[in-house]
Amino acid sequence: MEFHERLCYLMDNRGIRNSDLWRKTGKHPATISNYRTGKTLPDTTFYFELIKSIPDMNGHWLLFGTGEPFLPNNQKKVNKSTDSVTVSGTENAVTSNEAIQEKISVLEKQVNAIVTGFQEVKEMTKIDLGKNKVYSYSEVVTESKNYAA
């Protein structure tokens, strides 16, 4: 199951509309629709806002597709007078999501280091090519004949 399919499953299971996520995440409903169809992938901000708005969601499942969609042993307590929902057992989810965020940060740094390395190699290549004459095949053949004569 791809990310967009998991997002659709989650939204359908909880009865969440694009406009609901717009209010919670700040992403325009058309952008959320693009996430749901798989046209684009969301950024990490959307992902973390989604986790905040659905605290019993398994963030690892949403991101990687492993495990169950919702965290086990969560008990919701709904206060009817304020319509607030309290979810117990989400401490591990927060820790897990913080660990994922930390891993993403490390990966971003590694990618940036690789990109910088490629840029440096590219610049070094330009410098080396500038110092040495680059011959075409016809020039090499012509110079070889001149030496032979």
N, C-alpha and C. Protein backbone atom coordinates (compact mmCIF):
# COMPACT_ATOMS: atom_id res chain seq x y z
N MET A 1 0.86 -1.18 0.00
CA MET A 1 0.00 0.00 0.00
C MET A 1 0.90 1.24 0.00
N GLU A 2 0.66 2.14 -0.92
CA GLU A 2 1.44 3.38 -1.05
C GLU A 2 0.99 4.41 -0.01
N PHE A 3 1.81 5.46 0.16
CA PHE A 3 1.49 6.49 1.16
C PHE A 3 0.10 7.08 0.94
N HIS A 4 -0.21 7.42 -0.31
CA HIS A 4 -1.50 8.07 -0.57
C HIS A 4 -2.67 7.14 -0.22
N GLU A 5 -2.49 5.84 -0.42
CA GLU A 5 -3.54 4.89 -0.07
C GLU A 5 -3.70 4.80 1.45
N ARG A 6 -2.58 4.86 2.17
CA ARG A 6 -2.65 4.84 3.64
C ARG A 6 -3.32 6.10 4.16
N LEU A 7 -2.99 7.24 3.54
CA LEU A 7 -3.62 8.49 3.96
C LEU A 7 -5.13 8.43 3.72
N CYS A 8 -5.55 7.93 2.58
CA CYS A 8 -6.98 7.78 2.28
C CYS A 8 -7.65 6.85 3.28
N TYR A 9 -7.00 5.73 3.58
CA TYR A 9 -7.56 4.80 4.55
C TYR A 9 -7.76 5.48 5.90
N LEU A 10 -6.75 6.20 6.33
CA LEU A 10 -6.80 6.89 7.61
C LEU A 10 -7.93 7.92 7.64
N MET A 11 -8.01 8.72 6.60
CA MET A 11 -9.04 9.76 6.54
C MET A 11 -10.44 9.14 6.47
N ASP A 12 -10.60 8.11 5.66
CA ASP A 12 -11.90 7.44 5.54
C ASP A 12 -12.30 6.78 6.86
N ASN A 13 -11.34 6.13 7.51
CA ASN A 13 -11.60 5.45 8.77
C ASN A 13 -12.05 6.42 9.86
N ARG A 14 -11.49 7.61 9.86
CA ARG A 14 -11.82 8.61 10.88
C ARG A 14 -12.85 9.63 10.42
N GLY A 15 -13.31 9.50 9.18
CA GLY A 15 -14.31 10.44 8.67
C GLY A 15 -13.76 11.86 8.51
N ILE A 16 -12.50 11.95 8.14
CA ILE A 16 -11.84 13.25 8.00
C ILE A 16 -11.92 13.69 6.54
N ARG A 17 -12.33 14.92 6.33
CA ARG A 17 -12.40 15.50 4.98
C ARG A 17 -11.16 16.35 4.72
N ASN A 18 -10.92 16.66 3.45
CA ASN A 18 -9.80 17.53 3.08
C ASN A 18 -9.87 18.86 3.81
N SER A 19 -11.08 19.41 3.90
CA SER A 19 -11.24 20.71 4.56
C SER A 19 -10.93 20.62 6.06
N ASP A 20 -11.20 19.45 6.67
CA ASP A 20 -10.84 19.26 8.09
C ASP A 20 -9.32 19.32 8.26
N LEU A 21 -8.61 18.62 7.37
CA LEU A 21 -7.15 18.65 7.44
C LEU A 21 -6.60 20.03 7.12
N TRP A 22 -7.27 20.76 6.27
CA TRP A 22 -6.86 22.12 5.94
C TRP A 22 -6.83 22.96 7.21
N ARG A 23 -7.89 22.86 8.00
CA ARG A 23 -7.94 23.63 9.24
C ARG A 23 -6.87 23.18 10.24
N LYS A 24 -6.57 21.90 10.26
CA LYS A 24 -5.61 21.38 11.25
C LYS A 24 -4.16 21.55 10.81
N THR A 25 -3.90 21.45 9.50
CA THR A 25 -2.52 21.46 9.02
C THR A 25 -2.13 22.74 8.28
N GLY A 26 -3.12 23.50 7.83
CA GLY A 26 -2.82 24.70 7.07
C GLY A 26 -2.59 24.44 5.59
N LYS A 27 -2.69 23.19 5.17
CA LYS A 27 -2.51 22.85 3.75
C LYS A 27 -3.85 23.00 3.03
N HIS A 28 -3.83 23.61 1.87
CA HIS A 28 -5.05 23.84 1.09
C HIS A 28 -5.69 22.50 0.72
N PRO A 29 -7.03 22.44 0.68
CA PRO A 29 -7.70 21.18 0.32
C PRO A 29 -7.22 20.58 -1.01
N ALA A 30 -6.90 21.42 -1.99
CA ALA A 30 -6.41 20.90 -3.27
C ALA A 30 -5.05 20.22 -3.10
N THR A 31 -4.22 20.76 -2.23
CA THR A 31 -2.92 20.15 -1.94
C THR A 31 -3.12 18.80 -1.27
N ILE A 32 -4.05 18.74 -0.32
CA ILE A 32 -4.35 17.49 0.37
C ILE A 32 -4.90 16.48 -0.63
N SER A 33 -5.71 16.95 -1.57
CA SER A 33 -6.23 16.06 -2.61
C SER A 33 -5.08 15.48 -3.44
N ASN A 34 -4.07 16.29 -3.72
CA ASN A 34 -2.89 15.80 -4.45
C ASN A 34 -2.16 14.73 -3.64
N TYR A 35 -2.10 14.91 -2.32
CA TYR A 35 -1.49 13.89 -1.47
C TYR A 35 -2.30 12.59 -1.55
N ARG A 36 -3.62 12.72 -1.54
CA ARG A 36 -4.50 11.54 -1.52
C ARG A 36 -4.48 10.78 -2.85
N THR A 37 -4.21 11.48 -3.94
CA THR A 37 -4.17 10.81 -5.24
C THR A 37 -2.76 10.32 -5.60
N GLY A 38 -1.77 10.75 -4.81
CA GLY A 38 -0.40 10.33 -5.07
C GLY A 38 0.33 11.22 -6.04
N LYS A 39 -0.26 12.36 -6.41
CA LYS A 39 0.43 13.28 -7.33
C LYS A 39 1.67 13.86 -6.67
N THR A 40 1.54 14.20 -5.40
CA THR A 40 2.68 14.75 -4.66
C THR A 40 2.74 14.11 -3.29
N LEU A 41 3.92 14.18 -2.68
CA LEU A 41 4.10 13.69 -1.32
C LEU A 41 4.16 14.90 -0.38
N PRO A 42 3.61 14.76 0.80
CA PRO A 42 3.63 15.88 1.74
C PRO A 42 5.01 16.11 2.34
N ASP A 43 5.20 17.32 2.85
CA ASP A 43 6.43 17.61 3.56
C ASP A 43 6.29 17.16 5.01
N THR A 44 7.38 17.25 5.75
CA THR A 44 7.37 16.76 7.13
C THR A 44 6.44 17.57 8.02
N THR A 45 6.23 18.84 7.71
CA THR A 45 5.33 19.67 8.51
C THR A 45 3.92 19.09 8.48
N PHE A 46 3.45 18.72 7.31
CA PHE A 46 2.11 18.13 7.19
C PHE A 46 2.04 16.84 7.99
N TYR A 47 3.07 16.03 7.86
CA TYR A 47 3.12 14.74 8.56
C TYR A 47 2.99 14.94 10.07
N PHE A 48 3.75 15.87 10.63
CA PHE A 48 3.72 16.08 12.08
C PHE A 48 2.41 16.72 12.53
N GLU A 49 1.84 17.59 11.72
CA GLU A 49 0.54 18.17 12.07
C GLU A 49 -0.55 17.10 12.04
N LEU A 50 -0.43 16.16 11.12
CA LEU A 50 -1.39 15.06 11.04
C LEU A 50 -1.29 14.18 12.28
N ILE A 51 -0.08 13.92 12.72
CA ILE A 51 0.12 13.12 13.93
C ILE A 51 -0.47 13.83 15.15
N LYS A 52 -0.31 15.14 15.21
CA LYS A 52 -0.89 15.89 16.32
C LYS A 52 -2.41 15.80 16.32
N SER A 53 -3.00 15.85 15.13
CA SER A 53 -4.46 15.87 15.04
C SER A 53 -5.08 14.47 15.20
N ILE A 54 -4.31 13.41 14.98
CA ILE A 54 -4.80 12.04 15.17
C ILE A 54 -3.78 11.33 16.07
N PRO A 55 -3.85 11.58 17.38
CA PRO A 55 -2.79 11.11 18.27
C PRO A 55 -2.66 9.59 18.38
N ASP A 56 -3.71 8.83 18.07
CA ASP A 56 -3.58 7.38 18.18
C ASP A 56 -3.16 6.73 16.86
N MET A 57 -2.85 7.56 15.87
CA MET A 57 -2.38 7.05 14.58
C MET A 57 -0.94 6.56 14.74
N ASN A 58 -0.62 5.47 14.08
CA ASN A 58 0.74 4.95 14.06
C ASN A 58 1.49 5.68 12.94
N GLY A 59 2.33 6.64 13.33
CA GLY A 59 3.08 7.42 12.35
C GLY A 59 4.01 6.57 11.51
N HIS A 60 4.54 5.52 12.08
CA HIS A 60 5.43 4.63 11.34
C HIS A 60 4.64 3.92 10.23
N TRP A 61 3.42 3.52 10.53
CA TRP A 61 2.57 2.89 9.52
C TRP A 61 2.29 3.87 8.38
N LEU A 62 1.93 5.10 8.74
CA LEU A 62 1.61 6.09 7.70
C LEU A 62 2.81 6.34 6.80
N LEU A 63 3.97 6.48 7.39
CA LEU A 63 5.16 6.82 6.62
C LEU A 63 5.74 5.63 5.86
N PHE A 64 5.83 4.46 6.52
CA PHE A 64 6.53 3.33 5.92
C PHE A 64 5.63 2.16 5.54
N GLY A 65 4.39 2.14 6.05
CA GLY A 65 3.48 1.06 5.72
C GLY A 65 3.68 -0.21 6.53
N THR A 66 4.43 -0.13 7.61
CA THR A 66 4.64 -1.31 8.45
C THR A 66 3.89 -1.14 9.77
N GLY A 67 3.44 -2.25 10.30
CA GLY A 67 2.69 -2.20 11.55
C GLY A 67 1.20 -1.99 11.28
N GLU A 68 0.50 -1.60 12.31
CA GLU A 68 -0.94 -1.36 12.22
C GLU A 68 -1.22 0.13 12.08
N PRO A 69 -2.36 0.49 11.48
CA PRO A 69 -2.68 1.91 11.28
C PRO A 69 -2.82 2.70 12.59
N PHE A 70 -3.27 2.03 13.63
CA PHE A 70 -3.48 2.73 14.89
C PHE A 70 -2.69 2.04 15.99
N LEU A 71 -2.25 2.83 16.94
CA LEU A 71 -1.45 2.31 18.04
C LEU A 71 -2.29 1.40 18.93
N PRO A 72 -1.71 0.29 19.38
CA PRO A 72 -2.46 -0.64 20.23
C PRO A 72 -2.64 -0.10 21.64
N ASN A 73 -3.65 -0.64 22.32
CA ASN A 73 -3.91 -0.35 23.72
C ASN A 73 -4.18 1.12 24.02
N ASN A 74 -4.63 1.86 23.03
CA ASN A 74 -5.00 3.24 23.30
C ASN A 74 -6.46 3.29 23.73
N GLN A 75 -6.71 4.05 24.74
CA GLN A 75 -8.07 4.20 25.23
C GLN A 75 -8.45 5.66 25.13
N LYS A 76 -9.51 5.91 24.41
CA LYS A 76 -9.99 7.28 24.26
C LYS A 76 -11.00 7.59 25.35
N LYS A 77 -10.89 8.76 25.90
CA LYS A 77 -11.87 9.24 26.87
C LYS A 77 -12.44 10.53 26.30
N VAL A 78 -13.74 10.54 26.03
CA VAL A 78 -14.38 11.71 25.45
C VAL A 78 -15.15 12.44 26.53
N ASN A 79 -14.84 13.71 26.69
CA ASN A 79 -15.56 14.56 27.63
C ASN A 79 -16.70 15.21 26.86
N LYS A 80 -17.92 14.77 27.11
CA LYS A 80 -19.09 15.24 26.34
C LYS A 80 -19.33 16.73 26.52
N SER A 81 -19.03 17.29 27.68
CA SER A 81 -19.32 18.70 27.90
C SER A 81 -18.41 19.61 27.09
N THR A 82 -17.18 19.15 26.81
CA THR A 82 -16.26 20.01 26.05
C THR A 82 -15.91 19.42 24.69
N ASP A 83 -16.41 18.21 24.41
CA ASP A 83 -16.08 17.49 23.17
C ASP A 83 -14.57 17.32 22.99
N SER A 84 -13.86 17.26 24.12
CA SER A 84 -12.42 17.04 24.00
C SER A 84 -12.14 15.55 24.11
N VAL A 85 -11.07 15.13 23.46
CA VAL A 85 -10.70 13.72 23.46
C VAL A 85 -9.33 13.59 24.12
N THR A 86 -9.24 12.69 25.07
CA THR A 86 -7.97 12.39 25.71
C THR A 86 -7.58 10.98 25.31
N VAL A 87 -6.35 10.83 24.83
CA VAL A 87 -5.87 9.51 24.42
C VAL A 87 -4.73 9.13 25.33
N SER A 88 -4.91 8.00 26.01
CA SER A 88 -3.82 7.51 26.85
C SER A 88 -2.97 6.55 26.04
N GLY A 89 -1.72 6.41 26.43
CA GLY A 89 -0.83 5.48 25.75
C GLY A 89 -0.14 6.06 24.53
N THR A 90 -0.17 7.38 24.35
CA THR A 90 0.48 7.98 23.18
C THR A 90 1.90 8.42 23.47
N GLU A 91 2.37 8.19 24.69
CA GLU A 91 3.73 8.61 25.03
C GLU A 91 4.74 7.94 24.11
N ASN A 92 4.56 6.64 23.86
CA ASN A 92 5.47 5.92 22.96
C ASN A 92 5.37 6.45 21.54
N ALA A 93 4.18 6.86 21.13
CA ALA A 93 4.01 7.40 19.79
C ALA A 93 4.81 8.68 19.63
N VAL A 94 4.76 9.55 20.64
CA VAL A 94 5.50 10.80 20.58
C VAL A 94 6.99 10.51 20.53
N THR A 95 7.45 9.59 21.37
CA THR A 95 8.86 9.22 21.37
C THR A 95 9.24 8.63 20.01
N SER A 96 8.39 7.76 19.47
CA SER A 96 8.66 7.15 18.17
C SER A 96 8.71 8.21 17.08
N ASN A 97 7.78 9.15 17.11
CA ASN A 97 7.74 10.20 16.09
C ASN A 97 8.94 11.13 16.23
N GLU A 98 9.37 11.39 17.45
CA GLU A 98 10.57 12.21 17.65
C GLU A 98 11.79 11.49 17.10
N ALA A 99 11.85 10.18 17.29
CA ALA A 99 12.96 9.40 16.75
C ALA A 99 12.95 9.44 15.23
N ILE A 100 11.78 9.33 14.64
CA ILE A 100 11.67 9.40 13.17
C ILE A 100 12.11 10.78 12.68
N GLN A 101 11.66 11.83 13.38
CA GLN A 101 12.05 13.18 12.99
C GLN A 101 13.57 13.35 13.08
N GLU A 102 14.18 12.78 14.11
CA GLU A 102 15.63 12.85 14.26
C GLU A 102 16.33 12.11 13.12
N LYS A 103 15.81 10.93 12.75
CA LYS A 103 16.39 10.16 11.64
C LYS A 103 16.27 10.93 10.33
N ILE A 104 15.13 11.58 10.11
CA ILE A 104 14.94 12.38 8.90
C ILE A 104 15.95 13.51 8.87
N SER A 105 16.17 14.15 10.00
CA SER A 105 17.14 15.24 10.08
C SER A 105 18.54 14.76 9.73
N VAL A 106 18.93 13.60 10.26
CA VAL A 106 20.25 13.02 9.97
C VAL A 106 20.36 12.72 8.47
N LEU A 107 19.32 12.13 7.90
CA LEU A 107 19.34 11.82 6.46
C LEU A 107 19.44 13.07 5.61
N GLU A 108 18.72 14.13 6.00
CA GLU A 108 18.81 15.39 5.26
C GLU A 108 20.22 15.94 5.28
N LYS A 109 20.90 15.85 6.43
CA LYS A 109 22.28 16.32 6.53
C LYS A 109 23.19 15.49 5.64
N GLN A 110 22.98 14.18 5.61
CA GLN A 110 23.80 13.31 4.77
C GLN A 110 23.60 13.63 3.29
N VAL A 111 22.36 13.84 2.89
CA VAL A 111 22.07 14.17 1.50
C VAL A 111 22.73 15.50 1.14
N ASN A 112 22.64 16.48 2.02
CA ASN A 112 23.27 17.78 1.76
C ASN A 112 24.78 17.65 1.63
N ALA A 113 25.39 16.78 2.45
CA ALA A 113 26.83 16.56 2.35
C ALA A 113 27.20 15.91 1.01
N ILE A 114 26.39 14.98 0.57
CA ILE A 114 26.64 14.32 -0.72
C ILE A 114 26.51 15.33 -1.86
N VAL A 115 25.48 16.15 -1.82
CA VAL A 115 25.27 17.16 -2.86
C VAL A 115 26.45 18.12 -2.89
N THR A 116 26.89 18.56 -1.71
CA THR A 116 28.04 19.47 -1.64
C THR A 116 29.27 18.80 -2.23
N GLY A 117 29.48 17.51 -1.91
CA GLY A 117 30.62 16.78 -2.45
C GLY A 117 30.58 16.70 -3.97
N PHE A 118 29.41 16.43 -4.52
CA PHE A 118 29.28 16.39 -5.98
C PHE A 118 29.57 17.75 -6.60
N GLN A 119 29.10 18.80 -5.95
CA GLN A 119 29.35 20.15 -6.48
C GLN A 119 30.84 20.47 -6.46
N GLU A 120 31.54 20.05 -5.39
CA GLU A 120 32.98 20.28 -5.31
C GLU A 120 33.72 19.50 -6.39
N VAL A 121 33.33 18.25 -6.62
CA VAL A 121 33.95 17.45 -7.67
C VAL A 121 33.70 18.09 -9.03
N LYS A 122 32.51 18.57 -9.24
CA LYS A 122 32.16 19.22 -10.51
C LYS A 122 33.04 20.45 -10.72
N GLU A 123 33.23 21.26 -9.68
CA GLU A 123 34.07 22.45 -9.79
C GLU A 123 35.53 22.07 -10.04
N MET A 124 36.02 21.03 -9.36
CA MET A 124 37.39 20.58 -9.57
C MET A 124 37.59 20.10 -11.00
N THR A 125 36.61 19.43 -11.55
CA THR A 125 36.68 18.93 -12.92
C THR A 125 36.77 20.10 -13.89
N LYS A 126 36.00 21.14 -13.64
CA LYS A 126 36.05 22.32 -14.51
C LYS A 126 37.43 22.96 -14.46
N ILE A 127 38.01 23.03 -13.29
CA ILE A 127 39.33 23.64 -13.14
C ILE A 127 40.38 22.81 -13.87
N ASP A 128 40.38 21.49 -13.70
CA ASP A 128 41.35 20.62 -14.35
C ASP A 128 41.22 20.68 -15.87
N LEU A 129 40.00 20.71 -16.36
CA LEU A 129 39.81 20.78 -17.80
C LEU A 129 40.28 22.12 -18.34
N GLY A 130 40.20 23.15 -17.54
CA GLY A 130 40.65 24.46 -17.98
C GLY A 130 42.16 24.53 -18.11
N LYS A 131 42.90 23.78 -17.29
CA LYS A 131 44.36 23.82 -17.33
C LYS A 131 44.92 23.00 -18.48
N ASN A 132 44.29 21.93 -18.82
CA ASN A 132 44.78 21.02 -19.86
C ASN A 132 44.01 21.24 -21.15
N LYS A 133 44.73 21.08 -22.25
CA LYS A 133 44.05 21.20 -23.54
C LYS A 133 43.29 19.91 -23.79
N VAL A 134 42.05 20.05 -24.19
CA VAL A 134 41.24 18.90 -24.51
C VAL A 134 41.29 18.72 -26.02
N TYR A 135 41.73 17.56 -26.47
CA TYR A 135 41.89 17.30 -27.88
C TYR A 135 40.68 16.56 -28.43
N SER A 136 40.35 16.89 -29.66
CA SER A 136 39.36 16.09 -30.35
C SER A 136 40.11 14.98 -31.08
N TYR A 137 39.41 14.00 -31.59
CA TYR A 137 40.05 12.88 -32.29
C TYR A 137 40.84 13.37 -33.50
N SER A 138 40.28 14.30 -34.25
CA SER A 138 40.96 14.76 -35.46
C SER A 138 42.24 15.51 -35.12
N GLU A 139 42.28 16.25 -34.01
CA GLU A 139 43.49 16.95 -33.62
C GLU A 139 44.58 15.97 -33.20
N VAL A 140 44.22 14.90 -32.54
CA VAL A 140 45.19 13.90 -32.12
C VAL A 140 45.80 13.24 -33.35
N VAL A 141 44.98 12.90 -34.34
CA VAL A 141 45.47 12.26 -35.55
C VAL A 141 46.41 13.21 -36.29
N THR A 142 46.03 14.50 -36.39
CA THR A 142 46.84 15.50 -37.11
C THR A 142 48.18 15.67 -36.41
N GLU A 143 48.19 15.78 -35.07
CA GLU A 143 49.46 15.95 -34.35
C GLU A 143 50.33 14.71 -34.46
N SER A 144 49.73 13.53 -34.48
CA SER A 144 50.51 12.30 -34.63
C SER A 144 51.22 12.27 -35.98
N LYS A 145 50.54 12.74 -37.04
CA LYS A 145 51.14 12.75 -38.37
C LYS A 145 52.31 13.74 -38.40
N ASN A 146 52.18 14.89 -37.74
CA ASN A 146 53.24 15.89 -37.72
C ASN A 146 54.50 15.34 -37.05
N TYR A 147 54.33 14.56 -35.99
CA TYR A 147 55.50 13.99 -35.31
C TYR A 147 56.16 12.92 -36.16
N ALA A 148 55.36 12.19 -36.92
CA ALA A 148 55.88 11.10 -37.74
C ALA A 148 56.69 11.62 -38.92
N ALA A 149 56.37 12.81 -39.38
CA ALA A 149 57.02 13.32 -40.58
C ALA A 149 58.38 13.87 -40.35
